[in-house]
Amino acid sequence: LIVFVALFAVALAAPADQEAEIVVLKSDVGPESFKYEWKTSD
């Protein structure tokens, strides 16, 4: 039981491999210019 609880605690503490999410996405494209910005949660 002690070993099981210890392994369970280690598994919970391990960082999860999460996909990054886009939090900002802006763009402006014209015939002679462009501007963009993006940011992700990671």
Full PDB file with SEQRES, HELIX, SHEET, SSBOND, CRYST1, ORIGX, SCALE, CONECT and MASTER records, all heavy atoms in Angstrom:
SEQRES   1 A   42  LEU ILE VAL PHE VAL ALA LEU PHE ALA VAL ALA LEU ALA          
SEQRES   2 A   42  ALA PRO ALA ASP GLN GLU ALA GLU ILE VAL VAL LEU LYS          
SEQRES   3 A   42  SER ASP VAL GLY PRO GLU SER PHE LYS TYR GLU TRP LYS          
SEQRES   4 A   42  THR SER ASP                                                  
HELIX    1 AA1 ILE A    2  ALA A   13  1                                  12    
SHEET    1 AA1 2 ILE A  22  VAL A  29  0                                        
SHEET    2 AA1 2 PHE A  34  THR A  40 -1                                        
CRYST1    1.000    1.000    1.000  90.00  90.00  90.00 P 1           1          
ORIGX1      1.000000  0.000000  0.000000        0.00000                         
ORIGX2      0.000000  1.000000  0.000000        0.00000                         
ORIGX3      0.000000  0.000000  1.000000        0.00000                         
SCALE1      1.000000  0.000000  0.000000        0.00000                         
SCALE2      0.000000  1.000000  0.000000        0.00000                         
SCALE3      0.000000  0.000000  1.000000        0.00000                         
ATOM      1  N   LEU A   1       0.826  -1.202   0.000  1.00  0.00           N  
ATOM      2  CA  LEU A   1       0.000   0.000   0.000  1.00  0.00           C  
ATOM      3  C   LEU A   1       0.862   1.254   0.000  1.00  0.00           C  
ATOM      4  O   LEU A   1       0.585   2.204  -0.740  1.00  0.00           O  
ATOM      5  CB  LEU A   1      -0.944  -0.011   1.203  1.00  0.00           C  
ATOM      6  CG  LEU A   1      -1.877   1.196   1.315  1.00  0.00           C  
ATOM      7  CD1 LEU A   1      -2.794   1.287   0.104  1.00  0.00           C  
ATOM      8  CD2 LEU A   1      -2.693   1.115   2.597  1.00  0.00           C  
ATOM      9  N   ILE A   2       1.916   1.266   0.781  1.00  0.00           N  
ATOM     10  CA  ILE A   2       2.815   2.427   0.839  1.00  0.00           C  
ATOM     11  C   ILE A   2       3.495   2.640  -0.510  1.00  0.00           C  
ATOM     12  O   ILE A   2       3.559   3.767  -1.015  1.00  0.00           O  
ATOM     13  CB  ILE A   2       3.851   2.257   1.972  1.00  0.00           C  
ATOM     14  CG1 ILE A   2       3.151   2.299   3.333  1.00  0.00           C  
ATOM     15  CG2 ILE A   2       4.926   3.337   1.889  1.00  0.00           C  
ATOM     16  CD1 ILE A   2       4.025   1.935   4.498  1.00  0.00           C  
ATOM     17  N   VAL A   3       3.986   1.570  -1.120  1.00  0.00           N  
ATOM     18  CA  VAL A   3       4.629   1.679  -2.429  1.00  0.00           C  
ATOM     19  C   VAL A   3       3.611   2.156  -3.472  1.00  0.00           C  
ATOM     20  O   VAL A   3       3.891   3.028  -4.290  1.00  0.00           O  
ATOM     21  CB  VAL A   3       5.254   0.329  -2.847  1.00  0.00           C  
ATOM     22  CG1 VAL A   3       5.713   0.370  -4.293  1.00  0.00           C  
ATOM     23  CG2 VAL A   3       6.411  -0.011  -1.921  1.00  0.00           C  
ATOM     24  N   PHE A   4       2.408   1.602  -3.433  1.00  0.00           N  
ATOM     25  CA  PHE A   4       1.378   1.992  -4.379  1.00  0.00           C  
ATOM     26  C   PHE A   4       1.033   3.476  -4.236  1.00  0.00           C  
ATOM     27  O   PHE A   4       0.945   4.199  -5.232  1.00  0.00           O  
ATOM     28  CB  PHE A   4       0.124   1.130  -4.183  1.00  0.00           C  
ATOM     29  CG  PHE A   4      -1.003   1.511  -5.085  1.00  0.00           C  
ATOM     30  CD1 PHE A   4      -1.003   1.140  -6.425  1.00  0.00           C  
ATOM     31  CD2 PHE A   4      -2.049   2.278  -4.617  1.00  0.00           C  
ATOM     32  CE1 PHE A   4      -2.025   1.503  -7.263  1.00  0.00           C  
ATOM     33  CE2 PHE A   4      -3.083   2.652  -5.454  1.00  0.00           C  
ATOM     34  CZ  PHE A   4      -3.083   2.265  -6.784  1.00  0.00           C  
ATOM     35  N   VAL A   5       0.844   3.942  -3.028  1.00  0.00           N  
ATOM     36  CA  VAL A   5       0.522   5.358  -2.786  1.00  0.00           C  
ATOM     37  C   VAL A   5       1.678   6.248  -3.234  1.00  0.00           C  
ATOM     38  O   VAL A   5       1.463   7.301  -3.851  1.00  0.00           O  
ATOM     39  CB  VAL A   5       0.167   5.589  -1.296  1.00  0.00           C  
ATOM     40  CG1 VAL A   5       0.059   7.066  -0.988  1.00  0.00           C  
ATOM     41  CG2 VAL A   5      -1.132   4.883  -0.957  1.00  0.00           C  
ATOM     42  N   ALA A   6       2.918   5.836  -2.981  1.00  0.00           N  
ATOM     43  CA  ALA A   6       4.077   6.623  -3.398  1.00  0.00           C  
ATOM     44  C   ALA A   6       4.154   6.721  -4.924  1.00  0.00           C  
ATOM     45  O   ALA A   6       4.376   7.801  -5.485  1.00  0.00           O  
ATOM     46  CB  ALA A   6       5.357   6.021  -2.839  1.00  0.00           C  
ATOM     47  N   LEU A   7       3.942   5.592  -5.617  1.00  0.00           N  
ATOM     48  CA  LEU A   7       3.961   5.617  -7.082  1.00  0.00           C  
ATOM     49  C   LEU A   7       2.805   6.446  -7.641  1.00  0.00           C  
ATOM     50  O   LEU A   7       2.967   7.171  -8.625  1.00  0.00           O  
ATOM     51  CB  LEU A   7       3.905   4.192  -7.636  1.00  0.00           C  
ATOM     52  CG  LEU A   7       5.168   3.364  -7.442  1.00  0.00           C  
ATOM     53  CD1 LEU A   7       4.938   1.932  -7.912  1.00  0.00           C  
ATOM     54  CD2 LEU A   7       6.336   3.981  -8.186  1.00  0.00           C  
ATOM     55  N   PHE A   8       1.663   6.375  -7.011  1.00  0.00           N  
ATOM     56  CA  PHE A   8       0.515   7.159  -7.441  1.00  0.00           C  
ATOM     57  C   PHE A   8       0.806   8.651  -7.286  1.00  0.00           C  
ATOM     58  O   PHE A   8       0.495   9.455  -8.169  1.00  0.00           O  
ATOM     59  CB  PHE A   8      -0.720   6.747  -6.622  1.00  0.00           C  
ATOM     60  CG  PHE A   8      -1.974   7.425  -7.064  1.00  0.00           C  
ATOM     61  CD1 PHE A   8      -2.602   7.048  -8.247  1.00  0.00           C  
ATOM     62  CD2 PHE A   8      -2.534   8.439  -6.309  1.00  0.00           C  
ATOM     63  CE1 PHE A   8      -3.758   7.673  -8.670  1.00  0.00           C  
ATOM     64  CE2 PHE A   8      -3.685   9.068  -6.724  1.00  0.00           C  
ATOM     65  CZ  PHE A   8      -4.312   8.690  -7.901  1.00  0.00           C  
ATOM     66  N   ALA A   9       1.427   9.033  -6.183  1.00  0.00           N  
ATOM     67  CA  ALA A   9       1.772  10.439  -5.954  1.00  0.00           C  
ATOM     68  C   ALA A   9       2.792  10.928  -6.979  1.00  0.00           C  
ATOM     69  O   ALA A   9       2.687  12.049  -7.489  1.00  0.00           O  
ATOM     70  CB  ALA A   9       2.320  10.623  -4.538  1.00  0.00           C  
ATOM     71  N   VAL A  10       3.768  10.099  -7.305  1.00  0.00           N  
ATOM     72  CA  VAL A  10       4.765  10.478  -8.318  1.00  0.00           C  
ATOM     73  C   VAL A  10       4.090  10.648  -9.668  1.00  0.00           C  
ATOM     74  O   VAL A  10       4.376  11.592 -10.415  1.00  0.00           O  
ATOM     75  CB  VAL A  10       5.886   9.424  -8.386  1.00  0.00           C  
ATOM     76  CG1 VAL A  10       6.777   9.641  -9.604  1.00  0.00           C  
ATOM     77  CG2 VAL A  10       6.713   9.459  -7.115  1.00  0.00           C  
ATOM     78  N   ALA A  11       3.174   9.761 -10.005  1.00  0.00           N  
ATOM     79  CA  ALA A  11       2.467   9.859 -11.288  1.00  0.00           C  
ATOM     80  C   ALA A  11       1.637  11.138 -11.365  1.00  0.00           C  
ATOM     81  O   ALA A  11       1.583  11.792 -12.405  1.00  0.00           O  
ATOM     82  CB  ALA A  11       1.584   8.639 -11.493  1.00  0.00           C  
ATOM     83  N   LEU A  12       1.013  11.518 -10.287  1.00  0.00           N  
ATOM     84  CA  LEU A  12       0.228  12.754 -10.278  1.00  0.00           C  
ATOM     85  C   LEU A  12       1.117  13.991 -10.367  1.00  0.00           C  
ATOM     86  O   LEU A  12       0.732  14.995 -10.948  1.00  0.00           O  
ATOM     87  CB  LEU A  12      -0.630  12.841  -9.020  1.00  0.00           C  
ATOM     88  CG  LEU A  12      -1.878  11.981  -8.990  1.00  0.00           C  
ATOM     89  CD1 LEU A  12      -2.599  12.158  -7.667  1.00  0.00           C  
ATOM     90  CD2 LEU A  12      -2.803  12.316 -10.143  1.00  0.00           C  
ATOM     91  N   ALA A  13       2.299  13.928  -9.787  1.00  0.00           N  
ATOM     92  CA  ALA A  13       3.199  15.080  -9.775  1.00  0.00           C  
ATOM     93  C   ALA A  13       3.927  15.270 -11.100  1.00  0.00           C  
ATOM     94  O   ALA A  13       4.415  16.355 -11.389  1.00  0.00           O  
ATOM     95  CB  ALA A  13       4.219  14.931  -8.649  1.00  0.00           C  
ATOM     96  N   ALA A  14       3.990  14.244 -11.922  1.00  0.00           N  
ATOM     97  CA  ALA A  14       4.699  14.344 -13.207  1.00  0.00           C  
ATOM     98  C   ALA A  14       3.982  15.341 -14.105  1.00  0.00           C  
ATOM     99  O   ALA A  14       2.756  15.376 -14.151  1.00  0.00           O  
ATOM    100  CB  ALA A  14       4.764  12.974 -13.879  1.00  0.00           C  
ATOM    101  N   PRO A  15       4.744  16.157 -14.833  1.00  0.00           N  
ATOM    102  CA  PRO A  15       4.096  17.129 -15.721  1.00  0.00           C  
ATOM    103  C   PRO A  15       3.369  16.426 -16.864  1.00  0.00           C  
ATOM    104  O   PRO A  15       3.861  15.453 -17.421  1.00  0.00           O  
ATOM    105  CB  PRO A  15       5.266  17.963 -16.254  1.00  0.00           C  
ATOM    106  CG  PRO A  15       6.469  17.112 -16.067  1.00  0.00           C  
ATOM    107  CD  PRO A  15       6.182  16.221 -14.889  1.00  0.00           C  
ATOM    108  N   ALA A  16       2.210  16.927 -17.165  1.00  0.00           N  
ATOM    109  CA  ALA A  16       1.426  16.344 -18.257  1.00  0.00           C  
ATOM    110  C   ALA A  16       1.888  16.950 -19.580  1.00  0.00           C  
ATOM    111  O   ALA A  16       2.202  18.126 -19.657  1.00  0.00           O  
ATOM    112  CB  ALA A  16      -0.054  16.639 -18.035  1.00  0.00           C  
ATOM    113  N   ASP A  17       1.952  16.129 -20.601  1.00  0.00           N  
ATOM    114  CA  ASP A  17       2.292  16.614 -21.936  1.00  0.00           C  
ATOM    115  C   ASP A  17       1.026  17.211 -22.548  1.00  0.00           C  
ATOM    116  O   ASP A  17       0.194  16.495 -23.074  1.00  0.00           O  
ATOM    117  CB  ASP A  17       2.831  15.493 -22.819  1.00  0.00           C  
ATOM    118  CG  ASP A  17       4.194  15.031 -22.377  1.00  0.00           C  
ATOM    119  OD1 ASP A  17       4.940  15.839 -21.803  1.00  0.00           O  
ATOM    120  OD2 ASP A  17       4.510  13.863 -22.609  1.00  0.00           O  
ATOM    121  N   GLN A  18       0.895  18.517 -22.409  1.00  0.00           N  
ATOM    122  CA  GLN A  18      -0.282  19.186 -22.926  1.00  0.00           C  
ATOM    123  C   GLN A  18       0.060  19.894 -24.225  1.00  0.00           C  
ATOM    124  O   GLN A  18       1.164  20.384 -24.406  1.00  0.00           O  
ATOM    125  CB  GLN A  18      -0.807  20.203 -21.918  1.00  0.00           C  
ATOM    126  CG  GLN A  18      -1.282  19.579 -20.632  1.00  0.00           C  
ATOM    127  CD  GLN A  18      -1.776  20.633 -19.654  1.00  0.00           C  
ATOM    128  OE1 GLN A  18      -1.638  21.817 -19.890  1.00  0.00           O  
ATOM    129  NE2 GLN A  18      -2.349  20.189 -18.563  1.00  0.00           N  
ATOM    130  N   GLU A  19      -0.882  19.956 -25.097  1.00  0.00           N  
ATOM    131  CA  GLU A  19      -0.721  20.685 -26.336  1.00  0.00           C  
ATOM    132  C   GLU A  19      -0.832  22.176 -26.025  1.00  0.00           C  
ATOM    133  O   GLU A  19      -1.643  22.600 -25.213  1.00  0.00           O  
ATOM    134  CB  GLU A  19      -1.824  20.289 -27.323  1.00  0.00           C  
ATOM    135  CG  GLU A  19      -1.834  18.835 -27.664  1.00  0.00           C  
ATOM    136  CD  GLU A  19      -1.177  18.562 -29.004  1.00  0.00           C  
ATOM    137  OE1 GLU A  19      -1.069  19.489 -29.808  1.00  0.00           O  
ATOM    138  OE2 GLU A  19      -0.791  17.414 -29.220  1.00  0.00           O  
ATOM    139  N   ALA A  20      -0.004  22.969 -26.672  1.00  0.00           N  
ATOM    140  CA  ALA A  20      -0.076  24.416 -26.495  1.00  0.00           C  
ATOM    141  C   ALA A  20      -1.324  24.937 -27.189  1.00  0.00           C  
ATOM    142  O   ALA A  20      -1.740  24.438 -28.234  1.00  0.00           O  
ATOM    143  CB  ALA A  20       1.161  25.070 -27.074  1.00  0.00           C  
ATOM    144  N   GLU A  21      -1.923  25.940 -26.586  1.00  0.00           N  
ATOM    145  CA  GLU A  21      -3.098  26.570 -27.168  1.00  0.00           C  
ATOM    146  C   GLU A  21      -2.730  27.965 -27.645  1.00  0.00           C  
ATOM    147  O   GLU A  21      -1.911  28.649 -27.027  1.00  0.00           O  
ATOM    148  CB  GLU A  21      -4.217  26.658 -26.139  1.00  0.00           C  
ATOM    149  CG  GLU A  21      -4.738  25.302 -25.697  1.00  0.00           C  
ATOM    150  CD  GLU A  21      -5.854  25.421 -24.672  1.00  0.00           C  
ATOM    151  OE1 GLU A  21      -6.405  26.528 -24.500  1.00  0.00           O  
ATOM    152  OE2 GLU A  21      -6.168  24.402 -24.055  1.00  0.00           O  
ATOM    153  N   ILE A  22      -3.330  28.387 -28.718  1.00  0.00           N  
ATOM    154  CA  ILE A  22      -3.114  29.744 -29.223  1.00  0.00           C  
ATOM    155  C   ILE A  22      -3.934  30.692 -28.369  1.00  0.00           C  
ATOM    156  O   ILE A  22      -5.144  30.525 -28.229  1.00  0.00           O  
ATOM    157  CB  ILE A  22      -3.518  29.846 -30.702  1.00  0.00           C  
ATOM    158  CG1 ILE A  22      -2.632  28.931 -31.541  1.00  0.00           C  
ATOM    159  CG2 ILE A  22      -3.428  31.284 -31.184  1.00  0.00           C  
ATOM    160  CD1 ILE A  22      -3.054  28.805 -32.982  1.00  0.00           C  
ATOM    161  N   VAL A  23      -3.270  31.690 -27.788  1.00  0.00           N  
ATOM    162  CA  VAL A  23      -3.969  32.648 -26.947  1.00  0.00           C  
ATOM    163  C   VAL A  23      -4.120  34.005 -27.634  1.00  0.00           C  
ATOM    164  O   VAL A  23      -4.996  34.782 -27.278  1.00  0.00           O  
ATOM    165  CB  VAL A  23      -3.303  32.799 -25.567  1.00  0.00           C  
ATOM    166  CG1 VAL A  23      -3.417  31.510 -24.773  1.00  0.00           C  
ATOM    167  CG2 VAL A  23      -1.855  33.208 -25.682  1.00  0.00           C  
ATOM    168  N   VAL A  24      -3.268  34.298 -28.606  1.00  0.00           N  
ATOM    169  CA  VAL A  24      -3.382  35.519 -29.412  1.00  0.00           C  
ATOM    170  C   VAL A  24      -3.081  35.157 -30.855  1.00  0.00           C  
ATOM    171  O   VAL A  24      -2.111  34.457 -31.128  1.00  0.00           O  
ATOM    172  CB  VAL A  24      -2.383  36.613 -28.941  1.00  0.00           C  
ATOM    173  CG1 VAL A  24      -2.394  37.807 -29.875  1.00  0.00           C  
ATOM    174  CG2 VAL A  24      -2.669  37.050 -27.519  1.00  0.00           C  
ATOM    175  N   LEU A  25      -3.916  35.628 -31.766  1.00  0.00           N  
ATOM    176  CA  LEU A  25      -3.681  35.420 -33.185  1.00  0.00           C  
ATOM    177  C   LEU A  25      -4.269  36.609 -33.940  1.00  0.00           C  
ATOM    178  O   LEU A  25      -5.481  36.788 -33.986  1.00  0.00           O  
ATOM    179  CB  LEU A  25      -4.323  34.126 -33.669  1.00  0.00           C  
ATOM    180  CG  LEU A  25      -4.139  33.787 -35.149  1.00  0.00           C  
ATOM    181  CD1 LEU A  25      -2.658  33.699 -35.511  1.00  0.00           C  
ATOM    182  CD2 LEU A  25      -4.845  32.493 -35.492  1.00  0.00           C  
ATOM    183  N   LYS A  26      -3.383  37.446 -34.473  1.00  0.00           N  
ATOM    184  CA  LYS A  26      -3.806  38.638 -35.202  1.00  0.00           C  
ATOM    185  C   LYS A  26      -3.041  38.691 -36.507  1.00  0.00           C  
ATOM    186  O   LYS A  26      -1.863  38.353 -36.549  1.00  0.00           O  
ATOM    187  CB  LYS A  26      -3.489  39.907 -34.410  1.00  0.00           C  
ATOM    188  CG  LYS A  26      -4.150  40.002 -33.062  1.00  0.00           C  
ATOM    189  CD  LYS A  26      -3.697  41.259 -32.339  1.00  0.00           C  
ATOM    190  CE  LYS A  26      -4.236  41.323 -30.929  1.00  0.00           C  
ATOM    191  NZ  LYS A  26      -3.735  42.497 -30.213  1.00  0.00           N  
ATOM    192  N   SER A  27      -3.698  39.136 -37.551  1.00  0.00           N  
ATOM    193  CA  SER A  27      -2.995  39.330 -38.817  1.00  0.00           C  
ATOM    194  C   SER A  27      -3.718  40.374 -39.653  1.00  0.00           C  
ATOM    195  O   SER A  27      -4.939  40.525 -39.570  1.00  0.00           O  
ATOM    196  CB  SER A  27      -2.871  38.028 -39.589  1.00  0.00           C  
ATOM    197  OG  SER A  27      -4.138  37.589 -40.022  1.00  0.00           O  
ATOM    198  N   ASP A  28      -2.933  41.067 -40.448  1.00  0.00           N  
ATOM    199  CA  ASP A  28      -3.450  42.065 -41.372  1.00  0.00           C  
ATOM    200  C   ASP A  28      -2.567  41.987 -42.610  1.00  0.00           C  
ATOM    201  O   ASP A  28      -1.381  42.303 -42.542  1.00  0.00           O  
ATOM    202  CB  ASP A  28      -3.401  43.451 -40.735  1.00  0.00           C  
ATOM    203  CG  ASP A  28      -3.958  44.526 -41.647  1.00  0.00           C  
ATOM    204  OD1 ASP A  28      -4.727  44.200 -42.568  1.00  0.00           O  
ATOM    205  OD2 ASP A  28      -3.611  45.708 -41.447  1.00  0.00           O  
ATOM    206  N   VAL A  29      -3.138  41.548 -43.704  1.00  0.00           N  
ATOM    207  CA  VAL A  29      -2.366  41.353 -44.932  1.00  0.00           C  
ATOM    208  C   VAL A  29      -2.944  42.248 -46.019  1.00  0.00           C  
ATOM    209  O   VAL A  29      -4.135  42.202 -46.303  1.00  0.00           O  
ATOM    210  CB  VAL A  29      -2.402  39.882 -45.387  1.00  0.00           C  
ATOM    211  CG1 VAL A  29      -1.619  39.701 -46.674  1.00  0.00           C  
ATOM    212  CG2 VAL A  29      -1.874  38.975 -44.301  1.00  0.00           C  
ATOM    213  N   GLY A  30      -2.077  43.069 -46.592  1.00  0.00           N  
ATOM    214  CA  GLY A  30      -2.477  43.938 -47.685  1.00  0.00           C  
ATOM    215  C   GLY A  30      -1.648  43.651 -48.913  1.00  0.00           C  
ATOM    216  O   GLY A  30      -0.748  42.801 -48.890  1.00  0.00           O  
ATOM    217  N   PRO A  31      -1.909  44.348 -50.003  1.00  0.00           N  
ATOM    218  CA  PRO A  31      -1.170  44.087 -51.237  1.00  0.00           C  
ATOM    219  C   PRO A  31       0.315  44.471 -51.160  1.00  0.00           C  
ATOM    220  O   PRO A  31       1.131  43.892 -51.877  1.00  0.00           O  
ATOM    221  CB  PRO A  31      -1.901  44.922 -52.289  1.00  0.00           C  
ATOM    222  CG  PRO A  31      -2.746  45.874 -51.533  1.00  0.00           C  
ATOM    223  CD  PRO A  31      -2.956  45.330 -50.178  1.00  0.00           C  
ATOM    224  N   GLU A  32       0.654  45.427 -50.294  1.00  0.00           N  
ATOM    225  CA  GLU A  32       2.048  45.867 -50.218  1.00  0.00           C  
ATOM    226  C   GLU A  32       2.616  45.825 -48.805  1.00  0.00           C  
ATOM    227  O   GLU A  32       3.702  46.351 -48.555  1.00  0.00           O  
ATOM    228  CB  GLU A  32       2.177  47.274 -50.801  1.00  0.00           C  
ATOM    229  CG  GLU A  32       1.845  47.310 -52.281  1.00  0.00           C  
ATOM    230  CD  GLU A  32       1.862  48.708 -52.868  1.00  0.00           C  
ATOM    231  OE1 GLU A  32       2.219  49.655 -52.156  1.00  0.00           O  
ATOM    232  OE2 GLU A  32       1.542  48.839 -54.053  1.00  0.00           O  
ATOM    233  N   SER A  33       1.881  45.203 -47.883  1.00  0.00           N  
ATOM    234  CA  SER A  33       2.373  45.118 -46.505  1.00  0.00           C  
ATOM    235  C   SER A  33       1.640  44.002 -45.761  1.00  0.00           C  
ATOM    236  O   SER A  33       0.613  43.512 -46.205  1.00  0.00           O  
ATOM    237  CB  SER A  33       2.159  46.446 -45.773  1.00  0.00           C  
ATOM    238  OG  SER A  33       0.785  46.706 -45.640  1.00  0.00           O  
ATOM    239  N   PHE A  34       2.199  43.621 -44.622  1.00  0.00           N  
ATOM    240  CA  PHE A  34       1.541  42.646 -43.750  1.00  0.00           C  
ATOM    241  C   PHE A  34       1.990  42.889 -42.322  1.00  0.00           C  
ATOM    242  O   PHE A  34       3.003  43.536 -42.057  1.00  0.00           O  
ATOM    243  CB  PHE A  34       1.863  41.204 -44.166  1.00  0.00           C  
ATOM    244  CG  PHE A  34       3.277  40.779 -43.842  1.00  0.00           C  
ATOM    245  CD1 PHE A  34       3.580  40.220 -42.614  1.00  0.00           C  
ATOM    246  CD2 PHE A  34       4.296  40.952 -44.757  1.00  0.00           C  
ATOM    247  CE1 PHE A  34       4.878  39.829 -42.304  1.00  0.00           C  
ATOM    248  CE2 PHE A  34       5.594  40.573 -44.469  1.00  0.00           C  
ATOM    249  CZ  PHE A  34       5.886  40.009 -43.238  1.00  0.00           C  
ATOM    250  N   LYS A  35       1.204  42.368 -41.410  1.00  0.00           N  
ATOM    251  CA  LYS A  35       1.538  42.431 -39.989  1.00  0.00           C  
ATOM    252  C   LYS A  35       0.854  41.249 -39.325  1.00  0.00           C  
ATOM    253  O   LYS A  35      -0.290  40.931 -39.642  1.00  0.00           O  
ATOM    254  CB  LYS A  35       1.032  43.741 -39.394  1.00  0.00           C  
ATOM    255  CG  LYS A  35       1.406  43.955 -37.954  1.00  0.00           C  
ATOM    256  CD  LYS A  35       0.981  45.343 -37.489  1.00  0.00           C  
ATOM    257  CE  LYS A  35       1.502  45.580 -36.091  1.00  0.00           C  
ATOM    258  NZ  LYS A  35       1.212  46.942 -35.640  1.00  0.00           N  
ATOM    259  N   TYR A  36       1.577  40.548 -38.430  1.00  0.00           N  
ATOM    260  CA  TYR A  36       0.963  39.453 -37.692  1.00  0.00           C  
ATOM    261  C   TYR A  36       1.550  39.354 -36.294  1.00  0.00           C  
ATOM    262  O   TYR A  36       2.634  39.858 -36.015  1.00  0.00           O  
ATOM    263  CB  TYR A  36       1.096  38.118 -38.427  1.00  0.00           C  
ATOM    264  CG  TYR A  36       2.490  37.532 -38.434  1.00  0.00           C  
ATOM    265  CD1 TYR A  36       2.983  36.815 -37.354  1.00  0.00           C  
ATOM    266  CD2 TYR A  36       3.321  37.682 -39.544  1.00  0.00           C  
ATOM    267  CE1 TYR A  36       4.250  36.273 -37.355  1.00  0.00           C  
ATOM    268  CE2 TYR A  36       4.585  37.135 -39.564  1.00  0.00           C  
ATOM    269  CZ  TYR A  36       5.046  36.437 -38.472  1.00  0.00           C  
ATOM    270  OH  TYR A  36       6.309  35.904 -38.484  1.00  0.00           O  
ATOM    271  N   GLU A  37       0.822  38.679 -35.442  1.00  0.00           N  
ATOM    272  CA  GLU A  37       1.261  38.406 -34.068  1.00  0.00           C  
ATOM    273  C   GLU A  37       0.556  37.147 -33.611  1.00  0.00           C  
ATOM    274  O   GLU A  37      -0.624  36.955 -33.872  1.00  0.00           O  
ATOM    275  CB  GLU A  37       0.878  39.571 -33.150  1.00  0.00           C  
ATOM    276  CG  GLU A  37       1.138  39.308 -31.691  1.00  0.00           C  
ATOM    277  CD  GLU A  37       0.616  40.414 -30.780  1.00  0.00           C  
ATOM    278  OE1 GLU A  37      -0.144  41.281 -31.235  1.00  0.00           O  
ATOM    279  OE2 GLU A  37       0.975  40.373 -29.596  1.00  0.00           O  
ATOM    280  N   TRP A  38       1.293  36.270 -32.923  1.00  0.00           N  
ATOM    281  CA  TRP A  38       0.677  35.120 -32.280  1.00  0.00           C  
ATOM    282  C   TRP A  38       1.413  34.789 -30.996  1.00  0.00           C  
ATOM    283  O   TRP A  38       2.593  35.078 -30.852  1.00  0.00           O  
ATOM    284  CB  TRP A  38       0.581  33.901 -33.195  1.00  0.00           C  
ATOM    285  CG  TRP A  38       1.865  33.361 -33.757  1.00  0.00           C  
ATOM    286  CD1 TRP A  38       2.368  33.606 -34.992  1.00  0.00           C  
ATOM    287  CD2 TRP A  38       2.799  32.488 -33.121  1.00  0.00           C  
ATOM    288  NE1 TRP A  38       3.557  32.942 -35.157  1.00  0.00           N  
ATOM    289  CE2 TRP A  38       3.840  32.239 -34.024  1.00  0.00           C  
ATOM    290  CE3 TRP A  38       2.862  31.881 -31.865  1.00  0.00           C  
ATOM    291  CZ2 TRP A  38       4.930  31.427 -33.719  1.00  0.00           C  
ATOM    292  CZ3 TRP A  38       3.944  31.066 -31.565  1.00  0.00           C  
ATOM    293  CH2 TRP A  38       4.950  30.843 -32.488  1.00  0.00           C  
ATOM    294  N   LYS A  39       0.674  34.231 -30.056  1.00  0.00           N  
ATOM    295  CA  LYS A  39       1.236  33.779 -28.779  1.00  0.00           C  
ATOM    296  C   LYS A  39       0.540  32.483 -28.408  1.00  0.00           C  
ATOM    297  O   LYS A  39      -0.636  32.299 -28.695  1.00  0.00           O  
ATOM    298  CB  LYS A  39       0.996  34.806 -27.674  1.00  0.00           C  
ATOM    299  CG  LYS A  39       1.714  36.111 -27.892  1.00  0.00           C  
ATOM    300  CD  LYS A  39       1.434  37.098 -26.785  1.00  0.00           C  
ATOM    301  CE  LYS A  39       2.130  38.427 -27.100  1.00  0.00           C  
ATOM    302  NZ  LYS A  39       1.829  39.443 -26.104  1.00  0.00           N  
ATOM    303  N   THR A  40       1.295  31.600 -27.748  1.00  0.00           N  
ATOM    304  CA  THR A  40       0.719  30.340 -27.299  1.00  0.00           C  
ATOM    305  C   THR A  40       0.802  30.239 -25.782  1.00  0.00           C  
ATOM    306  O   THR A  40       1.554  30.968 -25.133  1.00  0.00           O  
ATOM    307  CB  THR A  40       1.432  29.131 -27.933  1.00  0.00           C  
ATOM    308  OG1 THR A  40       2.799  29.143 -27.535  1.00  0.00           O  
ATOM    309  CG2 THR A  40       1.321  29.162 -29.447  1.00  0.00           C  
ATOM    310  N   SER A  41       0.053  29.302 -25.246  1.00  0.00           N  
ATOM    311  CA  SER A  41      -0.012  29.132 -23.797  1.00  0.00           C  
ATOM    312  C   SER A  41       1.281  28.603 -23.191  1.00  0.00           C  
ATOM    313  O   SER A  41       1.477  28.685 -21.980  1.00  0.00           O  
ATOM    314  CB  SER A  41      -1.165  28.190 -23.440  1.00  0.00           C  
ATOM    315  OG  SER A  41      -0.978  26.928 -24.058  1.00  0.00           O  
ATOM    316  N   ASP A  42       2.188  28.075 -24.021  1.00  0.00           N  
ATOM    317  CA  ASP A  42       3.444  27.549 -23.488  1.00  0.00           C  
ATOM    318  C   ASP A  42       4.611  28.540 -23.585  1.00  0.00           C  
ATOM    319  O   ASP A  42       5.759  28.164 -23.412  1.00  0.00           O  
ATOM    320  CB  ASP A  42       3.805  26.230 -24.169  1.00  0.00           C  
ATOM    321  CG  ASP A  42       4.083  26.386 -25.654  1.00  0.00           C  
ATOM    322  OD1 ASP A  42       3.909  27.489 -26.198  1.00  0.00           O  
ATOM    323  OD2 ASP A  42       4.474  25.382 -26.273  1.00  0.00           O  
TER     324      ASP A  42                                                      
MASTER        0    0    0    1    2    0    0    6  323    1    0    4          
END                                                                             
